[in-house]
């Protein structure tokens, strides 16, 4: 089934072929059947907000397709992207389990299918299915690891250029495709979003991208980025 946004809707978790490659979704048939009974499926347009920082936890949001950015903001209105969530991730998990307010806001970056489970139903589901509890623990552990990596990158990098080089190398490892010319990566974020992720200004990111291009580390072609000199980017990273 296709939605108005051109997405192929996977409404039945038991029949979803993608679940085997996703940490939380790879559950036993019994647990999946129980999850299917308590979740509701919604398709969101780009820019839709799932929940906001400081809001009491309503439940968890399983990102079936599309991406979502998790952000935190200061009183002055400055926004920092904590991370970008990919399909298969569970958003609002920590707050739902702990009962504390959401520690970030979640905004859909592309048209996305999202499964929602109310908090009380989700907690009862965990109480009855041990394999789901294990998946939740693994998911929370991964989120903790990602948070530590981000703190390390922001706190120990000597310059914004080093942080940007780390990000481009991470994209290479995550989604890059090797070619004779280098590693081709799809630009997942705008310069403004990269700036929010790295804690700097859009102007700084634009200048650094131009520097990387001038040094022939990268080539930019629309939404495509070609990393021509991976070792050159690695040389910008200290330690």
C-alpha atoms as a PDB file:
ATOM      1  CA  UNK A   1       0.000   0.000   0.000  1.00  0.00           C
ATOM      2  CA  UNK A   2       1.300   3.486  -0.908  1.00  0.00           C
ATOM      3  CA  UNK A   3       0.622   6.698   0.993  1.00  0.00           C
ATOM      4  CA  UNK A   4       0.040  10.207  -0.436  1.00  0.00           C
ATOM      5  CA  UNK A   5       3.755  10.862   0.176  1.00  0.00           C
ATOM      6  CA  UNK A   6       4.843   8.005  -2.067  1.00  0.00           C
ATOM      7  CA  UNK A   7       5.863   5.706   0.767  1.00  0.00           C
ATOM      8  CA  UNK A   8       5.295   1.989   0.704  1.00  0.00           C
ATOM      9  CA  UNK A   9       3.387   1.365   3.929  1.00  0.00           C
ATOM     10  CA  UNK A  10       4.309  -1.708   5.958  1.00  0.00           C
ATOM     11  CA  UNK A  11       1.325  -1.946   8.283  1.00  0.00           C
ATOM     12  CA  UNK A  12       1.918  -5.519   9.466  1.00  0.00           C
ATOM     13  CA  UNK A  13       5.075  -6.000  11.538  1.00  0.00           C
ATOM     14  CA  UNK A  14       4.877  -9.776  11.104  1.00  0.00           C
ATOM     15  CA  UNK A  15       5.131  -9.425   7.327  1.00  0.00           C
ATOM     16  CA  UNK A  16       7.818  -6.713   7.295  1.00  0.00           C
ATOM     17  CA  UNK A  17      10.958  -8.077   5.623  1.00  0.00           C
ATOM     18  CA  UNK A  18      13.075  -5.194   6.957  1.00  0.00           C
ATOM     19  CA  UNK A  19      12.583  -6.186  10.605  1.00  0.00           C
ATOM     20  CA  UNK A  20      15.374  -8.790  10.525  1.00  0.00           C
ATOM     21  CA  UNK A  21      17.948  -6.029   9.983  1.00  0.00           C
ATOM     22  CA  UNK A  22      16.654  -3.801  12.778  1.00  0.00           C
ATOM     23  CA  UNK A  23      17.585  -4.181  16.408  1.00  0.00           C
ATOM     24  CA  UNK A  24      14.260  -3.589  18.122  1.00  0.00           C
ATOM     25  CA  UNK A  25      12.057  -5.108  15.408  1.00  0.00           C
ATOM     26  CA  UNK A  26      13.819  -8.471  15.290  1.00  0.00           C
ATOM     27  CA  UNK A  27      11.543 -10.055  17.901  1.00  0.00           C
ATOM     28  CA  UNK A  28       9.977 -13.473  18.292  1.00  0.00           C
ATOM     29  CA  UNK A  29       6.724 -14.121  16.427  1.00  0.00           C
ATOM     30  CA  UNK A  30       4.819 -14.089  19.720  1.00  0.00           C
ATOM     31  CA  UNK A  31       6.240 -10.705  20.754  1.00  0.00           C
ATOM     32  CA  UNK A  32       5.711  -9.230  17.280  1.00  0.00           C
ATOM     33  CA  UNK A  33       2.088 -10.346  17.283  1.00  0.00           C
ATOM     34  CA  UNK A  34       1.585  -8.671  20.663  1.00  0.00           C
ATOM     35  CA  UNK A  35       3.327  -5.516  19.444  1.00  0.00           C
ATOM     36  CA  UNK A  36       1.166  -5.479  16.318  1.00  0.00           C
ATOM     37  CA  UNK A  37      -1.921  -5.451  18.514  1.00  0.00           C
ATOM     38  CA  UNK A  38      -0.933  -2.351  20.520  1.00  0.00           C
ATOM     39  CA  UNK A  39       0.717  -0.104  17.923  1.00  0.00           C
ATOM     40  CA  UNK A  40      -0.870   2.408  15.568  1.00  0.00           C
ATOM     41  CA  UNK A  41       0.653   3.399  12.233  1.00  0.00           C
ATOM     42  CA  UNK A  42       0.829   6.980  10.943  1.00  0.00           C
ATOM     43  CA  UNK A  43       2.523   8.590   7.950  1.00  0.00           C
ATOM     44  CA  UNK A  44       4.019  12.013   8.663  1.00  0.00           C
ATOM     45  CA  UNK A  45       5.111  14.706   6.189  1.00  0.00           C
ATOM     46  CA  UNK A  46       8.524  16.330   6.328  1.00  0.00           C
ATOM     47  CA  UNK A  47       8.782  18.764   9.234  1.00  0.00           C
ATOM     48  CA  UNK A  48       6.177  17.064  11.440  1.00  0.00           C
ATOM     49  CA  UNK A  49       7.029  17.100  15.163  1.00  0.00           C
ATOM     50  CA  UNK A  50       6.535  13.819  17.022  1.00  0.00           C
ATOM     51  CA  UNK A  51       7.223  15.174  20.507  1.00  0.00           C
ATOM     52  CA  UNK A  52       8.925  18.147  22.124  1.00  0.00           C
ATOM     53  CA  UNK A  53      11.619  18.521  24.751  1.00  0.00           C
ATOM     54  CA  UNK A  54      10.191  18.691  28.279  1.00  0.00           C
ATOM     55  CA  UNK A  55       6.880  17.045  27.338  1.00  0.00           C
ATOM     56  CA  UNK A  56       5.614  14.215  29.538  1.00  0.00           C
ATOM     57  CA  UNK A  57       6.210  10.896  27.768  1.00  0.00           C
ATOM     58  CA  UNK A  58       3.158   9.704  25.840  1.00  0.00           C
ATOM     59  CA  UNK A  59       4.864   6.595  24.511  1.00  0.00           C
ATOM     60  CA  UNK A  60       7.417   5.348  21.985  1.00  0.00           C
ATOM     61  CA  UNK A  61       7.697   6.039  18.269  1.00  0.00           C
ATOM     62  CA  UNK A  62       9.234   3.360  16.054  1.00  0.00           C
ATOM     63  CA  UNK A  63      10.667   4.926  12.897  1.00  0.00           C
ATOM     64  CA  UNK A  64       9.749   2.508  10.097  1.00  0.00           C
ATOM     65  CA  UNK A  65      10.939   4.688   7.207  1.00  0.00           C
ATOM     66  CA  UNK A  66      12.398   8.156   6.741  1.00  0.00           C
ATOM     67  CA  UNK A  67      14.650  10.018   9.144  1.00  0.00           C
ATOM     68  CA  UNK A  68      14.088  12.184  12.207  1.00  0.00           C
ATOM     69  CA  UNK A  69      16.331  14.694  13.956  1.00  0.00           C
ATOM     70  CA  UNK A  70      16.540  14.864  17.732  1.00  0.00           C
ATOM     71  CA  UNK A  71      17.227  18.401  18.904  1.00  0.00           C
ATOM     72  CA  UNK A  72      17.672  20.363  22.098  1.00  0.00           C
ATOM     73  CA  UNK A  73      17.328  24.133  22.401  1.00  0.00           C
ATOM     74  CA  UNK A  74      18.561  26.856  24.731  1.00  0.00           C
ATOM     75  CA  UNK A  75      16.420  29.626  26.206  1.00  0.00           C
ATOM     76  CA  UNK A  76      17.997  31.967  23.663  1.00  0.00           C
ATOM     77  CA  UNK A  77      16.637  29.816  20.844  1.00  0.00           C
ATOM     78  CA  UNK A  78      19.897  28.182  19.779  1.00  0.00           C
ATOM     79  CA  UNK A  79      19.294  24.649  18.520  1.00  0.00           C
ATOM     80  CA  UNK A  80      21.672  21.711  18.648  1.00  0.00           C
ATOM     81  CA  UNK A  81      20.992  18.506  16.735  1.00  0.00           C
ATOM     82  CA  UNK A  82      21.843  15.679  19.101  1.00  0.00           C
ATOM     83  CA  UNK A  83      21.660  13.038  16.372  1.00  0.00           C
ATOM     84  CA  UNK A  84      19.774  11.930  13.284  1.00  0.00           C
ATOM     85  CA  UNK A  85      17.668   8.782  13.726  1.00  0.00           C
ATOM     86  CA  UNK A  86      17.448   6.208  10.929  1.00  0.00           C
ATOM     87  CA  UNK A  87      14.725   3.654  10.112  1.00  0.00           C
ATOM     88  CA  UNK A  88      14.372   0.993  12.787  1.00  0.00           C
ATOM     89  CA  UNK A  89      15.136   3.282  15.710  1.00  0.00           C
ATOM     90  CA  UNK A  90      12.803   3.743  18.680  1.00  0.00           C
ATOM     91  CA  UNK A  91      12.323   7.375  19.651  1.00  0.00           C
ATOM     92  CA  UNK A  92      11.337   8.510  23.132  1.00  0.00           C
ATOM     93  CA  UNK A  93      12.422   5.190  24.603  1.00  0.00           C
ATOM     94  CA  UNK A  94      14.374   6.462  27.615  1.00  0.00           C
ATOM     95  CA  UNK A  95      11.618   8.865  28.695  1.00  0.00           C
ATOM     96  CA  UNK A  96       8.920   6.239  28.242  1.00  0.00           C
ATOM     97  CA  UNK A  97      10.752   3.689  30.376  1.00  0.00           C
ATOM     98  CA  UNK A  98      11.847   6.149  33.091  1.00  0.00           C
ATOM     99  CA  UNK A  99       8.701   8.278  33.180  1.00  0.00           C
ATOM    100  CA  UNK A 100      10.802  11.455  32.910  1.00  0.00           C
ATOM    101  CA  UNK A 101      10.052  14.148  30.301  1.00  0.00           C
ATOM    102  CA  UNK A 102      11.400  13.754  26.776  1.00  0.00           C
ATOM    103  CA  UNK A 103      14.972  15.069  26.796  1.00  0.00           C
ATOM    104  CA  UNK A 104      14.836  16.183  23.150  1.00  0.00           C
ATOM    105  CA  UNK A 105      12.412  17.152  20.417  1.00  0.00           C
ATOM    106  CA  UNK A 106      11.882  14.791  17.476  1.00  0.00           C
ATOM    107  CA  UNK A 107      11.144  16.217  14.028  1.00  0.00           C
ATOM    108  CA  UNK A 108      10.634  14.181  10.863  1.00  0.00           C
ATOM    109  CA  UNK A 109      13.180  15.100   8.169  1.00  0.00           C
ATOM    110  CA  UNK A 110      11.578  13.155   5.312  1.00  0.00           C
ATOM    111  CA  UNK A 111       8.110  11.768   4.788  1.00  0.00           C
ATOM    112  CA  UNK A 112       8.085   8.878   7.244  1.00  0.00           C
ATOM    113  CA  UNK A 113       6.044   5.954   8.507  1.00  0.00           C
ATOM    114  CA  UNK A 114       5.988   5.796  12.294  1.00  0.00           C
ATOM    115  CA  UNK A 115       4.486   3.219  14.639  1.00  0.00           C
ATOM    116  CA  UNK A 116       3.306   4.627  17.981  1.00  0.00           C
ATOM    117  CA  UNK A 117       2.662   2.697  21.214  1.00  0.00           C
ATOM    118  CA  UNK A 118       1.192   4.437  24.306  1.00  0.00           C
ATOM    119  CA  UNK A 119       3.404   4.304  27.390  1.00  0.00           C
ATOM    120  CA  UNK A 120       1.189   2.105  29.569  1.00  0.00           C
ATOM    121  CA  UNK A 121       0.709  -0.444  26.770  1.00  0.00           C
ATOM    122  CA  UNK A 122       4.427  -0.469  26.034  1.00  0.00           C
ATOM    123  CA  UNK A 123       5.408  -1.065  29.654  1.00  0.00           C
ATOM    124  CA  UNK A 124       2.944  -3.944  29.945  1.00  0.00           C
ATOM    125  CA  UNK A 125       4.336  -5.334  26.678  1.00  0.00           C
ATOM    126  CA  UNK A 126       7.874  -5.283  28.109  1.00  0.00           C
ATOM    127  CA  UNK A 127       6.690  -6.981  31.284  1.00  0.00           C
ATOM    128  CA  UNK A 128       5.332  -9.903  29.287  1.00  0.00           C
ATOM    129  CA  UNK A 129       8.076 -10.357  26.688  1.00  0.00           C
ATOM    130  CA  UNK A 130      11.663 -10.864  27.820  1.00  0.00           C
ATOM    131  CA  UNK A 131      13.134 -10.688  24.308  1.00  0.00           C
ATOM    132  CA  UNK A 132      11.614  -7.222  23.892  1.00  0.00           C
ATOM    133  CA  UNK A 133      13.222  -6.140  27.187  1.00  0.00           C
ATOM    134  CA  UNK A 134      16.600  -7.302  25.879  1.00  0.00           C
ATOM    135  CA  UNK A 135      16.104  -5.322  22.660  1.00  0.00           C
ATOM    136  CA  UNK A 136      15.211  -2.220  24.687  1.00  0.00           C
ATOM    137  CA  UNK A 137      18.354  -2.625  26.821  1.00  0.00           C
ATOM    138  CA  UNK A 138      20.475  -2.995  23.681  1.00  0.00           C
ATOM    139  CA  UNK A 139      18.820   0.026  22.096  1.00  0.00           C
ATOM    140  CA  UNK A 140      19.413   2.182  25.180  1.00  0.00           C
ATOM    141  CA  UNK A 141      23.022   0.972  25.304  1.00  0.00           C
ATOM    142  CA  UNK A 142      23.546   1.970  21.676  1.00  0.00           C
ATOM    143  CA  UNK A 143      22.063   5.403  22.341  1.00  0.00           C
ATOM    144  CA  UNK A 144      24.425   5.837  25.291  1.00  0.00           C
ATOM    145  CA  UNK A 145      27.381   4.868  23.110  1.00  0.00           C
ATOM    146  CA  UNK A 146      26.333   7.377  20.426  1.00  0.00           C
ATOM    147  CA  UNK A 147      25.983  10.109  23.057  1.00  0.00           C
ATOM    148  CA  UNK A 148      29.499   9.376  24.367  1.00  0.00           C
ATOM    149  CA  UNK A 149      30.880   9.527  20.826  1.00  0.00           C
ATOM    150  CA  UNK A 150      29.230  12.889  20.243  1.00  0.00           C
ATOM    151  CA  UNK A 151      30.538  14.304  23.532  1.00  0.00           C
ATOM    152  CA  UNK A 152      34.006  13.038  22.659  1.00  0.00           C
ATOM    153  CA  UNK A 153      33.831  14.606  19.219  1.00  0.00           C
ATOM    154  CA  UNK A 154      32.534  17.961  20.462  1.00  0.00           C
ATOM    155  CA  UNK A 155      34.697  18.116  23.558  1.00  0.00           C
ATOM    156  CA  UNK A 156      38.016  16.712  22.388  1.00  0.00           C
ATOM    157  CA  UNK A 157      38.193  17.929  18.790  1.00  0.00           C
ATOM    158  CA  UNK A 158      40.571  20.853  18.467  1.00  0.00           C
ATOM    159  CA  UNK A 159      38.594  22.588  15.728  1.00  0.00           C
ATOM    160  CA  UNK A 160      35.304  22.629  13.856  1.00  0.00           C
ATOM    161  CA  UNK A 161      37.234  21.414  10.815  1.00  0.00           C
ATOM    162  CA  UNK A 162      38.187  18.273  12.716  1.00  0.00           C
ATOM    163  CA  UNK A 163      34.570  17.694  13.766  1.00  0.00           C
ATOM    164  CA  UNK A 164      33.405  18.115  10.172  1.00  0.00           C
ATOM    165  CA  UNK A 165      36.070  15.699   8.931  1.00  0.00           C
ATOM    166  CA  UNK A 166      34.902  13.142  11.517  1.00  0.00           C
ATOM    167  CA  UNK A 167      31.306  13.526  10.320  1.00  0.00           C
ATOM    168  CA  UNK A 168      32.192  13.048   6.650  1.00  0.00           C
ATOM    169  CA  UNK A 169      34.276   9.979   7.487  1.00  0.00           C
ATOM    170  CA  UNK A 170      31.382   8.596   9.529  1.00  0.00           C
ATOM    171  CA  UNK A 171      29.112   9.025   6.490  1.00  0.00           C
ATOM    172  CA  UNK A 172      31.701   7.227   4.354  1.00  0.00           C
ATOM    173  CA  UNK A 173      31.715   4.251   6.717  1.00  0.00           C
ATOM    174  CA  UNK A 174      27.935   4.228   7.137  1.00  0.00           C
ATOM    175  CA  UNK A 175      26.516   4.812   3.654  1.00  0.00           C
ATOM    176  CA  UNK A 176      29.493   5.432   1.344  1.00  0.00           C
ATOM    177  CA  UNK A 177      29.832   3.585  -1.958  1.00  0.00           C
ATOM    178  CA  UNK A 178      33.312   2.896  -3.333  1.00  0.00           C
ATOM    179  CA  UNK A 179      34.152   3.934  -6.896  1.00  0.00           C
ATOM    180  CA  UNK A 180      37.241   4.515  -8.996  1.00  0.00           C
ATOM    181  CA  UNK A 181      37.047   8.222  -8.172  1.00  0.00           C
ATOM    182  CA  UNK A 182      36.577   7.850  -4.429  1.00  0.00           C
ATOM    183  CA  UNK A 183      33.762   7.259  -1.953  1.00  0.00           C
ATOM    184  CA  UNK A 184      30.368   8.590  -2.991  1.00  0.00           C
ATOM    185  CA  UNK A 185      28.085   9.765  -0.191  1.00  0.00           C
ATOM    186  CA  UNK A 186      24.629  11.269  -0.310  1.00  0.00           C
ATOM    187  CA  UNK A 187      24.472  14.598   1.523  1.00  0.00           C
ATOM    188  CA  UNK A 188      21.944  13.802   4.246  1.00  0.00           C
ATOM    189  CA  UNK A 189      21.949  17.235   5.881  1.00  0.00           C
ATOM    190  CA  UNK A 190      21.977  20.867   4.805  1.00  0.00           C
ATOM    191  CA  UNK A 191      24.819  23.162   5.883  1.00  0.00           C
ATOM    192  CA  UNK A 192      22.493  24.615   8.516  1.00  0.00           C
ATOM    193  CA  UNK A 193      21.700  21.164   9.912  1.00  0.00           C
ATOM    194  CA  UNK A 194      25.371  20.163   9.914  1.00  0.00           C
ATOM    195  CA  UNK A 195      26.115  23.357  11.857  1.00  0.00           C
ATOM    196  CA  UNK A 196      23.427  22.472  14.419  1.00  0.00           C
ATOM    197  CA  UNK A 197      24.888  18.976  14.729  1.00  0.00           C
ATOM    198  CA  UNK A 198      28.459  20.218  15.235  1.00  0.00           C
ATOM    199  CA  UNK A 199      27.640  23.220  17.423  1.00  0.00           C
ATOM    200  CA  UNK A 200      28.773  25.965  15.058  1.00  0.00           C
ATOM    201  CA  UNK A 201      27.394  28.386  12.438  1.00  0.00           C
ATOM    202  CA  UNK A 202      26.198  27.702   8.918  1.00  0.00           C
ATOM    203  CA  UNK A 203      28.749  30.189   7.574  1.00  0.00           C
ATOM    204  CA  UNK A 204      31.576  28.206   9.188  1.00  0.00           C
ATOM    205  CA  UNK A 205      30.389  24.946   7.626  1.00  0.00           C
ATOM    206  CA  UNK A 206      30.070  26.562   4.192  1.00  0.00           C
ATOM    207  CA  UNK A 207      33.611  27.966   4.482  1.00  0.00           C
ATOM    208  CA  UNK A 208      35.057  24.636   5.616  1.00  0.00           C
ATOM    209  CA  UNK A 209      33.311  22.748   2.811  1.00  0.00           C
ATOM    210  CA  UNK A 210      34.878  25.206   0.356  1.00  0.00           C
ATOM    211  CA  UNK A 211      38.292  24.625   1.992  1.00  0.00           C
ATOM    212  CA  UNK A 212      37.885  20.830   1.743  1.00  0.00           C
ATOM    213  CA  UNK A 213      36.915  21.208  -1.901  1.00  0.00           C
ATOM    214  CA  UNK A 214      39.874  23.511  -2.636  1.00  0.00           C
ATOM    215  CA  UNK A 215      42.233  20.991  -1.009  1.00  0.00           C
ATOM    216  CA  UNK A 216      40.645  18.312  -3.227  1.00  0.00           C
ATOM    217  CA  UNK A 217      39.497  16.251  -0.259  1.00  0.00           C
ATOM    218  CA  UNK A 218      35.939  16.292  -1.611  1.00  0.00           C
ATOM    219  CA  UNK A 219      33.857  17.151  -4.673  1.00  0.00           C
ATOM    220  CA  UNK A 220      30.315  18.450  -4.256  1.00  0.00           C
ATOM    221  CA  UNK A 221      27.732  17.722  -6.937  1.00  0.00           C
ATOM    222  CA  UNK A 222      24.259  18.758  -5.862  1.00  0.00           C
ATOM    223  CA  UNK A 223      23.117  16.407  -3.126  1.00  0.00           C
ATOM    224  CA  UNK A 224      26.025  14.052  -3.821  1.00  0.00           C
ATOM    225  CA  UNK A 225      29.424  14.291  -2.159  1.00  0.00           C
ATOM    226  CA  UNK A 226      32.501  12.487  -3.451  1.00  0.00           C
ATOM    227  CA  UNK A 227      35.298  11.928  -0.929  1.00  0.00           C
ATOM    228  CA  UNK A 228      38.396  11.820  -3.151  1.00  0.00           C
ATOM    229  CA  UNK A 229      41.010  11.868  -0.412  1.00  0.00           C
ATOM    230  CA  UNK A 230      39.876   9.949   2.678  1.00  0.00           C
ATOM    231  CA  UNK A 231      43.394   9.954   4.122  1.00  0.00           C
ATOM    232  CA  UNK A 232      43.450  13.732   3.797  1.00  0.00           C
ATOM    233  CA  UNK A 233      40.345  14.012   5.972  1.00  0.00           C
ATOM    234  CA  UNK A 234      41.808  11.509   8.431  1.00  0.00           C
ATOM    235  CA  UNK A 235      44.924  13.681   8.649  1.00  0.00           C
ATOM    236  CA  UNK A 236      42.778  16.533  10.050  1.00  0.00           C
ATOM    237  CA  UNK A 237      41.853  14.428  13.079  1.00  0.00           C
ATOM    238  CA  UNK A 238      44.165  14.621  16.077  1.00  0.00           C
ATOM    239  CA  UNK A 239      44.747  11.668  18.368  1.00  0.00           C
END
